[in-house]
Amino acid sequence: MTAAPGPDQVAIPALLRAARGAYALAILTRLSEGGFDDLPRNAPYVLGGMANRGGSVSDLIRDLDVTKQAASQLIDTLVVRGYLSREVNPADRRRLTISLTERGLAAAAAVRAGVADVDAQLGQLCDPRQIAGLRAGLDALRQVRERLEAER
């Protein structure tokens, strides 16, 4: 029986793939505990982003890199299920204002709790310097992606 390879022996894409589910699992667990089992894919990102970072729906949808049709369907589903409200913008009646409902705020709080759960576990496994390095490395990868997208 051979020992499992250490993290320095595994390709970074494989590590990212193996690690990416930690937040998703914790968030889904918190959402389920809160009775928010009817959220479609990508909804936790949108609800959490709106509540926790003050992101606009259009910016968050753009980050998801989905088609306009998929984005529209996601928003429609979240409105129908009571997570978002959609109202005519009083300043410009051609535009709609999308905001979180009480149910949306509660689901966003569950998302935030799931993130905090993983952050706490990560803090037990890594010292602050390692976490800072992780953040710096992930941000560098984000910059590489942006450069590659600009070159396309």
Protein backbone atom coordinates (compact mmCIF):
# COMPACT_ATOMS: atom_id res chain seq x y z
CA MET A 1 0.00 0.00 0.00
CA THR A 2 1.50 3.33 -1.06
CA ALA A 3 1.06 6.54 0.87
CA ALA A 4 -1.15 9.22 -0.59
CA PRO A 5 0.85 11.94 -2.33
CA GLY A 6 1.39 15.18 -0.42
CA PRO A 7 -0.20 18.41 -1.62
CA ASP A 8 3.07 19.49 -3.25
CA GLN A 9 2.96 16.35 -5.44
CA VAL A 10 -0.59 16.88 -6.76
CA ALA A 11 -1.34 19.20 -9.68
CA ILE A 12 -2.95 22.48 -8.62
CA PRO A 13 -6.05 21.92 -10.81
CA ALA A 14 -6.62 18.58 -9.06
CA LEU A 15 -6.28 20.22 -5.63
CA LEU A 16 -8.70 22.97 -6.61
CA ARG A 17 -11.21 20.43 -7.87
CA ALA A 18 -10.96 18.35 -4.69
CA ALA A 19 -11.19 21.38 -2.41
CA ARG A 20 -13.94 23.38 -4.09
CA GLY A 21 -16.75 21.35 -2.60
CA ALA A 22 -15.96 22.21 1.03
CA TYR A 23 -17.87 25.49 0.97
CA ALA A 24 -20.66 24.06 -1.18
CA LEU A 25 -21.27 21.16 1.20
CA ALA A 26 -21.27 23.39 4.28
CA ILE A 27 -23.60 25.91 2.61
CA LEU A 28 -25.99 23.19 1.40
CA THR A 29 -26.06 21.71 4.90
CA ARG A 30 -26.95 25.07 6.46
CA LEU A 31 -29.56 25.78 3.79
CA SER A 32 -31.16 22.38 4.34
CA GLU A 33 -31.22 22.89 8.12
CA GLY A 34 -32.97 26.22 7.52
CA GLY A 35 -35.63 24.70 5.25
CA PHE A 36 -34.23 26.22 2.05
CA ASP A 37 -34.20 23.01 0.01
CA ASP A 38 -35.80 24.57 -3.05
CA LEU A 39 -32.90 26.73 -4.22
CA PRO A 40 -31.69 26.14 -7.77
CA ARG A 41 -28.02 25.86 -8.67
CA ASN A 42 -26.13 29.18 -8.33
CA ALA A 43 -28.85 30.70 -6.14
CA PRO A 44 -26.76 30.60 -2.94
CA TYR A 45 -24.06 32.63 -4.70
CA VAL A 46 -26.57 35.25 -5.84
CA LEU A 47 -28.42 35.51 -2.51
CA GLY A 48 -25.22 35.50 -0.46
CA GLY A 49 -23.57 38.03 -2.73
CA MET A 50 -26.53 40.39 -2.58
CA ALA A 51 -26.78 40.23 1.21
CA ASN A 52 -23.19 39.91 2.29
CA ARG A 53 -21.27 41.96 -0.25
CA GLY A 54 -24.01 44.24 -1.47
CA GLY A 55 -23.53 42.95 -4.99
CA SER A 56 -26.03 43.83 -7.68
CA VAL A 57 -27.92 41.01 -9.34
CA SER A 58 -26.47 41.90 -12.74
CA ASP A 59 -22.88 41.84 -11.43
CA LEU A 60 -23.41 38.54 -9.65
CA ILE A 61 -25.03 36.94 -12.69
CA ARG A 62 -22.15 38.18 -14.85
CA ASP A 63 -19.73 36.48 -12.44
CA LEU A 64 -21.59 33.19 -12.95
CA ASP A 65 -20.90 33.34 -16.69
CA VAL A 66 -24.30 31.94 -17.68
CA THR A 67 -26.51 32.81 -20.64
CA LYS A 68 -29.06 35.61 -20.36
CA GLN A 69 -31.81 32.99 -20.57
CA ALA A 70 -30.33 30.99 -17.67
CA ALA A 71 -29.91 34.18 -15.63
CA SER A 72 -33.50 35.21 -16.30
CA GLN A 73 -34.76 31.76 -15.33
CA LEU A 74 -32.75 31.87 -12.09
CA ILE A 75 -34.17 35.27 -11.14
CA ASP A 76 -37.71 34.20 -12.09
CA THR A 77 -37.40 31.06 -9.95
CA LEU A 78 -36.09 33.05 -6.98
CA VAL A 79 -38.99 35.51 -7.29
CA VAL A 80 -41.60 32.74 -7.57
CA ARG A 81 -40.15 30.90 -4.58
CA GLY A 82 -40.15 34.04 -2.45
CA TYR A 83 -36.42 34.78 -2.18
CA LEU A 84 -36.42 37.92 -4.32
CA SER A 85 -38.91 40.63 -5.14
CA ARG A 86 -39.04 42.40 -8.48
CA GLU A 87 -40.58 45.86 -8.70
CA VAL A 88 -40.64 48.68 -11.21
CA ASN A 89 -37.94 51.23 -10.44
CA PRO A 90 -39.75 54.46 -9.48
CA ALA A 91 -36.93 56.60 -10.89
CA ASP A 92 -36.93 54.82 -14.27
CA ARG A 93 -40.08 52.85 -15.03
CA ARG A 94 -38.30 50.95 -17.82
CA ARG A 95 -36.06 49.27 -15.21
CA LEU A 96 -36.82 46.71 -12.55
CA THR A 97 -35.47 46.72 -9.01
CA ILE A 98 -34.66 43.29 -7.61
CA SER A 99 -34.23 42.94 -3.86
CA LEU A 100 -34.04 40.27 -1.19
CA THR A 101 -37.20 39.34 0.66
CA GLU A 102 -37.19 38.24 4.30
CA ARG A 103 -36.91 34.65 3.06
CA GLY A 104 -33.99 35.66 0.83
CA LEU A 105 -32.25 37.37 3.75
CA ALA A 106 -32.73 34.25 5.91
CA ALA A 107 -31.29 32.02 3.16
CA ALA A 108 -28.36 34.43 2.76
CA ALA A 109 -27.71 34.16 6.50
CA ALA A 110 -27.56 30.36 6.11
CA VAL A 111 -25.07 30.80 3.27
CA ARG A 112 -22.98 33.09 5.47
CA ALA A 113 -23.09 30.52 8.31
CA GLY A 114 -21.90 27.76 5.96
CA VAL A 115 -18.98 29.90 4.85
CA ALA A 116 -18.14 30.68 8.49
CA ASP A 117 -18.18 26.95 9.31
CA VAL A 118 -15.55 26.20 6.68
CA ASP A 119 -13.51 29.30 7.55
CA ALA A 120 -13.40 28.14 11.18
CA GLN A 121 -12.22 24.67 10.21
CA LEU A 122 -9.65 26.15 7.87
CA GLY A 123 -8.44 28.36 10.74
CA GLN A 124 -7.89 25.24 12.83
CA LEU A 125 -5.85 23.55 10.11
CA CYS A 126 -3.82 26.53 8.87
CA ASP A 127 -2.13 29.44 10.56
CA PRO A 128 -2.96 33.01 9.47
CA ARG A 129 0.15 33.21 7.28
CA GLN A 130 -0.94 30.10 5.36
CA ILE A 131 -4.45 31.46 4.90
CA ALA A 132 -3.01 34.74 3.63
CA GLY A 133 -0.88 32.75 1.17
CA LEU A 134 -3.93 30.79 0.04
CA ARG A 135 -5.83 34.02 -0.58
CA ALA A 136 -2.88 35.52 -2.47
CA GLY A 137 -2.51 32.41 -4.62
CA LEU A 138 -6.21 32.27 -5.46
CA ASP A 139 -6.22 35.97 -6.30
CA ALA A 140 -3.21 35.43 -8.57
CA LEU A 141 -5.12 32.65 -10.36
CA ARG A 142 -8.06 35.04 -10.77
CA GLN A 143 -5.73 37.56 -12.39
CA VAL A 144 -4.32 34.91 -14.74
CA ARG A 145 -7.88 33.99 -15.78
CA GLU A 146 -8.71 37.64 -16.46
CA ARG A 147 -5.61 38.01 -18.63
CA LEU A 148 -6.42 34.84 -20.57
CA GLU A 149 -10.01 36.04 -21.09
CA ALA A 150 -8.76 39.42 -22.35
CA GLU A 151 -6.46 37.68 -24.83
CA ARG A 152 -9.30 35.56 -26.28
